Amino acid sequence: EHGVGVGYTRTQKGAVAAAANYTKALSSDKILDDDWRGRAIDTLAAPQAKARLRKTFAQAVVSLRKGLGVSAAGDGSQVLLRATPVGWRMDRYGGGTAKVAIWVTSIAGSLGGDQGPVPILEGWGTTTAELRWVQGDWKLLSTTTAEGPVPIADVSPPTAAAELVDEAAKFKEFTYAPGS
């Protein structure tokens, strides 16, 4: 619904799949689009968390846009913003709630924009999602992100930003579910 995966099972694996997909959705370049972000949060958030998450992510997007050197979605800037879950940890499960930590790697940067190009950089972090089982699906209550853990950086020379943005646009993003 609205570009967000829904319909998870009321199991630990279902909670992990929901947390991973919600983390990915809220870490993509779509988050810069105010309308999309509002619809996505309405889809993935628990009813009591919608207003707070809308406000939290609206504030975060202001900082994100500034960091990317872009003013708003659709301003003609080419932005590369993707996060890929690489691991997960169940911190708590039971009673219709779950706390899932998702370890992600991400890339972010832009071409053009208000202040010119912003180098495309890699980052690593752990996003912890608090979920509640609501009306037959896992819904987000809150999310926090902390840096790391961070592996040693790749020793390969980086691809030029313009080429990286063009090449990345040729790839579709995955939807994640946990392994067995």
C-alpha atoms as a PDB file:
ATOM      1  CA  GLU A   1       0.000   0.000   0.000  1.00  0.00           C
ATOM      2  CA  HIS A   2       1.399   3.397  -1.048  1.00  0.00           C
ATOM      3  CA  GLY A   3       4.756   1.775  -1.835  1.00  0.00           C
ATOM      4  CA  VAL A   4       5.056   0.127   1.591  1.00  0.00           C
ATOM      5  CA  GLY A   5       4.908  -3.614   2.140  1.00  0.00           C
ATOM      6  CA  VAL A   6       2.083  -4.753   4.430  1.00  0.00           C
ATOM      7  CA  GLY A   7       0.476  -8.033   5.448  1.00  0.00           C
ATOM      8  CA  TYR A   8       3.060  -9.587   7.755  1.00  0.00           C
ATOM      9  CA  THR A   9       2.458 -12.677   9.860  1.00  0.00           C
ATOM     10  CA  ARG A  10       2.095 -12.499  13.623  1.00  0.00           C
ATOM     11  CA  THR A  11       5.400 -14.259  14.168  1.00  0.00           C
ATOM     12  CA  GLN A  12       8.944 -13.198  14.970  1.00  0.00           C
ATOM     13  CA  LYS A  13       9.825 -13.553  11.286  1.00  0.00           C
ATOM     14  CA  GLY A  14       6.851 -11.395  10.348  1.00  0.00           C
ATOM     15  CA  ALA A  15       7.976  -8.706  12.796  1.00  0.00           C
ATOM     16  CA  VAL A  16      11.517  -8.813  11.387  1.00  0.00           C
ATOM     17  CA  ALA A  17      10.205  -8.566   7.808  1.00  0.00           C
ATOM     18  CA  ALA A  18       8.002  -5.594   8.740  1.00  0.00           C
ATOM     19  CA  ALA A  19      10.849  -3.813  10.566  1.00  0.00           C
ATOM     20  CA  ALA A  20      13.270  -4.367   7.666  1.00  0.00           C
ATOM     21  CA  ASN A  21      10.810  -3.180   5.025  1.00  0.00           C
ATOM     22  CA  TYR A  22       9.684  -0.158   7.063  1.00  0.00           C
ATOM     23  CA  THR A  23      13.327   0.789   7.667  1.00  0.00           C
ATOM     24  CA  LYS A  24      14.095   0.503   3.965  1.00  0.00           C
ATOM     25  CA  ALA A  25      11.016   2.492   2.940  1.00  0.00           C
ATOM     26  CA  LEU A  26      11.764   5.319   5.365  1.00  0.00           C
ATOM     27  CA  SER A  27      15.399   5.449   4.221  1.00  0.00           C
ATOM     28  CA  SER A  28      14.841   5.784   0.472  1.00  0.00           C
ATOM     29  CA  ASP A  29      14.841   8.904  -1.693  1.00  0.00           C
ATOM     30  CA  LYS A  30      11.018   8.723  -1.653  1.00  0.00           C
ATOM     31  CA  ILE A  31      11.157  10.074   1.909  1.00  0.00           C
ATOM     32  CA  LEU A  32      11.949  13.506   0.410  1.00  0.00           C
ATOM     33  CA  ASP A  33       8.476  13.634  -1.172  1.00  0.00           C
ATOM     34  CA  ASP A  34       6.171  15.079   1.505  1.00  0.00           C
ATOM     35  CA  ASP A  35       3.008  13.517   0.065  1.00  0.00           C
ATOM     36  CA  TRP A  36       4.561  10.058  -0.333  1.00  0.00           C
ATOM     37  CA  ARG A  37       6.064  10.208   3.152  1.00  0.00           C
ATOM     38  CA  GLY A  38       2.691  11.085   4.700  1.00  0.00           C
ATOM     39  CA  ARG A  39       0.916   8.233   2.903  1.00  0.00           C
ATOM     40  CA  ALA A  40       3.717   5.797   3.803  1.00  0.00           C
ATOM     41  CA  ILE A  41       3.604   6.726   7.489  1.00  0.00           C
ATOM     42  CA  ASP A  42      -0.192   6.430   7.489  1.00  0.00           C
ATOM     43  CA  THR A  43       0.243   2.924   6.040  1.00  0.00           C
ATOM     44  CA  LEU A  44       2.999   1.575   8.295  1.00  0.00           C
ATOM     45  CA  ALA A  45       2.396   3.372  11.619  1.00  0.00           C
ATOM     46  CA  ALA A  46       0.238   2.294  14.529  1.00  0.00           C
ATOM     47  CA  PRO A  47      -2.720   4.685  14.903  1.00  0.00           C
ATOM     48  CA  GLN A  48      -1.397   6.266  18.112  1.00  0.00           C
ATOM     49  CA  ALA A  49       2.029   6.852  16.504  1.00  0.00           C
ATOM     50  CA  LYS A  50       1.038   8.433  13.166  1.00  0.00           C
ATOM     51  CA  ALA A  51       1.075  12.100  14.207  1.00  0.00           C
ATOM     52  CA  ARG A  52       4.340  11.749  16.140  1.00  0.00           C
ATOM     53  CA  LEU A  53       6.065   9.841  13.320  1.00  0.00           C
ATOM     54  CA  ARG A  54       4.848  12.378  10.725  1.00  0.00           C
ATOM     55  CA  LYS A  55       6.353  15.198  12.813  1.00  0.00           C
ATOM     56  CA  THR A  56       9.594  13.317  13.556  1.00  0.00           C
ATOM     57  CA  PHE A  57      10.193  12.405   9.920  1.00  0.00           C
ATOM     58  CA  ALA A  58       9.243  15.886   8.663  1.00  0.00           C
ATOM     59  CA  GLN A  59      11.930  17.337  10.952  1.00  0.00           C
ATOM     60  CA  ALA A  60      14.442  14.685   9.904  1.00  0.00           C
ATOM     61  CA  VAL A  61      13.793  15.397   6.215  1.00  0.00           C
ATOM     62  CA  VAL A  62      14.612  19.092   6.726  1.00  0.00           C
ATOM     63  CA  SER A  63      18.071  18.071   7.972  1.00  0.00           C
ATOM     64  CA  LEU A  64      18.407  15.429   5.282  1.00  0.00           C
ATOM     65  CA  ARG A  65      17.579  17.889   2.496  1.00  0.00           C
ATOM     66  CA  LYS A  66      20.116  20.329   3.914  1.00  0.00           C
ATOM     67  CA  GLY A  67      22.761  17.620   4.072  1.00  0.00           C
ATOM     68  CA  LEU A  68      22.015  16.599   0.489  1.00  0.00           C
ATOM     69  CA  GLY A  69      21.994  20.215  -0.677  1.00  0.00           C
ATOM     70  CA  VAL A  70      18.461  20.009  -2.097  1.00  0.00           C
ATOM     71  CA  SER A  71      15.457  22.154  -1.292  1.00  0.00           C
ATOM     72  CA  ALA A  72      12.513  19.872  -2.028  1.00  0.00           C
ATOM     73  CA  ALA A  73      11.482  16.781  -3.945  1.00  0.00           C
ATOM     74  CA  GLY A  74      10.983  17.532  -7.600  1.00  0.00           C
ATOM     75  CA  ASP A  75      13.426  20.459  -7.677  1.00  0.00           C
ATOM     76  CA  GLY A  76      15.371  18.738 -10.468  1.00  0.00           C
ATOM     77  CA  SER A  77      18.186  17.465  -8.245  1.00  0.00           C
ATOM     78  CA  GLN A  78      19.421  13.941  -8.719  1.00  0.00           C
ATOM     79  CA  VAL A  79      19.508  12.309  -5.297  1.00  0.00           C
ATOM     80  CA  LEU A  80      20.824   8.877  -4.427  1.00  0.00           C
ATOM     81  CA  LEU A  81      19.510   7.671  -1.087  1.00  0.00           C
ATOM     82  CA  ARG A  82      19.231   3.963  -0.344  1.00  0.00           C
ATOM     83  CA  ALA A  83      19.506   1.739   2.682  1.00  0.00           C
ATOM     84  CA  THR A  84      19.972  -2.004   2.573  1.00  0.00           C
ATOM     85  CA  PRO A  85      19.318  -4.220   5.576  1.00  0.00           C
ATOM     86  CA  VAL A  86      22.232  -6.609   6.129  1.00  0.00           C
ATOM     87  CA  GLY A  87      21.259  -8.168   9.452  1.00  0.00           C
ATOM     88  CA  TRP A  88      18.682  -8.204  12.217  1.00  0.00           C
ATOM     89  CA  ARG A  89      18.342  -8.900  15.914  1.00  0.00           C
ATOM     90  CA  MET A  90      15.173  -9.568  17.900  1.00  0.00           C
ATOM     91  CA  ASP A  91      15.524  -7.544  21.104  1.00  0.00           C
ATOM     92  CA  ARG A  92      12.046  -8.307  22.452  1.00  0.00           C
ATOM     93  CA  TYR A  93       9.008 -10.260  21.302  1.00  0.00           C
ATOM     94  CA  GLY A  94       5.733 -11.055  23.004  1.00  0.00           C
ATOM     95  CA  GLY A  95       2.352  -9.743  24.022  1.00  0.00           C
ATOM     96  CA  GLY A  96       1.646  -8.309  20.575  1.00  0.00           C
ATOM     97  CA  THR A  97       4.799  -6.168  20.516  1.00  0.00           C
ATOM     98  CA  ALA A  98       8.267  -6.551  19.081  1.00  0.00           C
ATOM     99  CA  LYS A  99      11.512  -4.612  19.221  1.00  0.00           C
ATOM    100  CA  VAL A 100      13.699  -5.393  16.215  1.00  0.00           C
ATOM    101  CA  ALA A 101      17.156  -4.002  15.462  1.00  0.00           C
ATOM    102  CA  ILE A 102      17.992  -3.794  11.746  1.00  0.00           C
ATOM    103  CA  TRP A 103      21.666  -3.356  10.787  1.00  0.00           C
ATOM    104  CA  VAL A 104      21.836  -1.357   7.536  1.00  0.00           C
ATOM    105  CA  THR A 105      24.324   0.006   5.101  1.00  0.00           C
ATOM    106  CA  SER A 106      23.321   3.089   3.170  1.00  0.00           C
ATOM    107  CA  ILE A 107      24.493   5.430   0.444  1.00  0.00           C
ATOM    108  CA  ALA A 108      23.541   9.065   0.123  1.00  0.00           C
ATOM    109  CA  GLY A 109      24.517  12.049  -1.979  1.00  0.00           C
ATOM    110  CA  SER A 110      23.275  14.291  -4.764  1.00  0.00           C
ATOM    111  CA  LEU A 111      24.152  15.875  -8.070  1.00  0.00           C
ATOM    112  CA  GLY A 112      23.202  19.485  -8.544  1.00  0.00           C
ATOM    113  CA  GLY A 113      20.972  20.843  -5.860  1.00  0.00           C
ATOM    114  CA  ASP A 114      21.108  24.209  -4.136  1.00  0.00           C
ATOM    115  CA  GLN A 115      24.742  24.025  -3.049  1.00  0.00           C
ATOM    116  CA  GLY A 116      26.076  21.941  -5.937  1.00  0.00           C
ATOM    117  CA  PRO A 117      26.948  18.258  -5.791  1.00  0.00           C
ATOM    118  CA  VAL A 118      27.194  16.457  -2.443  1.00  0.00           C
ATOM    119  CA  PRO A 119      29.608  13.493  -2.556  1.00  0.00           C
ATOM    120  CA  ILE A 120      27.956  10.100  -2.446  1.00  0.00           C
ATOM    121  CA  LEU A 121      29.040   8.450   0.780  1.00  0.00           C
ATOM    122  CA  GLU A 122      28.453   5.121   2.445  1.00  0.00           C
ATOM    123  CA  GLY A 123      27.193   4.802   6.001  1.00  0.00           C
ATOM    124  CA  TRP A 124      26.430   2.050   8.484  1.00  0.00           C
ATOM    125  CA  GLY A 125      23.891   2.100  11.278  1.00  0.00           C
ATOM    126  CA  THR A 126      21.404   0.167  13.343  1.00  0.00           C
ATOM    127  CA  THR A 127      17.746   1.150  13.220  1.00  0.00           C
ATOM    128  CA  THR A 128      15.632  -0.169  16.059  1.00  0.00           C
ATOM    129  CA  ALA A 129      11.923  -0.453  15.332  1.00  0.00           C
ATOM    130  CA  GLU A 130       9.277  -0.821  18.033  1.00  0.00           C
ATOM    131  CA  LEU A 131       6.256  -2.607  16.551  1.00  0.00           C
ATOM    132  CA  ARG A 132       2.754  -3.445  17.722  1.00  0.00           C
ATOM    133  CA  TRP A 133       0.301  -5.963  16.280  1.00  0.00           C
ATOM    134  CA  VAL A 134      -2.695  -3.858  15.174  1.00  0.00           C
ATOM    135  CA  GLN A 135      -5.697  -4.991  13.124  1.00  0.00           C
ATOM    136  CA  GLY A 136      -3.941  -8.006  11.617  1.00  0.00           C
ATOM    137  CA  ASP A 137      -0.521  -6.485  10.823  1.00  0.00           C
ATOM    138  CA  TRP A 138       2.693  -5.234  12.425  1.00  0.00           C
ATOM    139  CA  LYS A 139       2.642  -1.437  12.739  1.00  0.00           C
ATOM    140  CA  LEU A 140       5.449   0.935  13.706  1.00  0.00           C
ATOM    141  CA  LEU A 141       5.337   2.671  17.086  1.00  0.00           C
ATOM    142  CA  SER A 142       8.787   4.265  17.035  1.00  0.00           C
ATOM    143  CA  THR A 143      12.167   4.081  15.400  1.00  0.00           C
ATOM    144  CA  THR A 144      15.652   5.115  16.465  1.00  0.00           C
ATOM    145  CA  THR A 145      18.932   4.940  14.592  1.00  0.00           C
ATOM    146  CA  ALA A 146      22.468   4.722  15.922  1.00  0.00           C
ATOM    147  CA  GLU A 147      25.748   4.594  14.029  1.00  0.00           C
ATOM    148  CA  GLY A 148      27.506   1.289  13.438  1.00  0.00           C
ATOM    149  CA  PRO A 149      28.726  -1.282  13.647  1.00  0.00           C
ATOM    150  CA  VAL A 150      31.024  -0.233  10.803  1.00  0.00           C
ATOM    151  CA  PRO A 151      33.277  -2.634   8.865  1.00  0.00           C
ATOM    152  CA  ILE A 152      36.541  -1.633   7.212  1.00  0.00           C
ATOM    153  CA  ALA A 153      35.843   0.412   4.069  1.00  0.00           C
ATOM    154  CA  ASP A 154      36.240  -1.085   0.610  1.00  0.00           C
ATOM    155  CA  VAL A 155      39.684  -0.556  -0.875  1.00  0.00           C
ATOM    156  CA  SER A 156      38.357  -0.306  -4.443  1.00  0.00           C
ATOM    157  CA  PRO A 157      38.452   3.165  -5.977  1.00  0.00           C
ATOM    158  CA  PRO A 158      35.050   4.887  -5.859  1.00  0.00           C
ATOM    159  CA  THR A 159      32.905   5.369  -8.970  1.00  0.00           C
ATOM    160  CA  ALA A 160      32.472   8.993 -10.085  1.00  0.00           C
ATOM    161  CA  ALA A 161      29.289  10.471  -8.590  1.00  0.00           C
ATOM    162  CA  ALA A 162      27.492  11.149 -11.893  1.00  0.00           C
ATOM    163  CA  GLU A 163      28.220   7.632 -13.135  1.00  0.00           C
ATOM    164  CA  LEU A 164      27.190   6.103  -9.787  1.00  0.00           C
ATOM    165  CA  VAL A 165      23.822   7.901  -9.801  1.00  0.00           C
ATOM    166  CA  ASP A 166      23.159   6.823 -13.401  1.00  0.00           C
ATOM    167  CA  GLU A 167      24.187   3.209 -12.746  1.00  0.00           C
ATOM    168  CA  ALA A 168      22.235   2.989  -9.467  1.00  0.00           C
ATOM    169  CA  ALA A 169      19.081   4.154 -11.272  1.00  0.00           C
ATOM    170  CA  LYS A 170      19.310   1.037 -13.464  1.00  0.00           C
ATOM    171  CA  PHE A 171      18.832  -1.237 -10.446  1.00  0.00           C
ATOM    172  CA  LYS A 172      15.536  -1.920  -8.693  1.00  0.00           C
ATOM    173  CA  GLU A 173      15.523  -2.085  -4.910  1.00  0.00           C
ATOM    174  CA  PHE A 174      14.843  -5.353  -3.099  1.00  0.00           C
ATOM    175  CA  THR A 175      12.049  -6.037  -0.639  1.00  0.00           C
ATOM    176  CA  TYR A 176      13.413  -7.940   2.333  1.00  0.00           C
ATOM    177  CA  ALA A 177      12.159 -10.779   4.435  1.00  0.00           C
ATOM    178  CA  PRO A 178      14.316 -12.613   6.978  1.00  0.00           C
ATOM    179  CA  GLY A 179      16.042 -15.866   6.219  1.00  0.00           C
ATOM    180  CA  SER A 180      15.303 -19.071   8.096  1.00  0.00           C
END
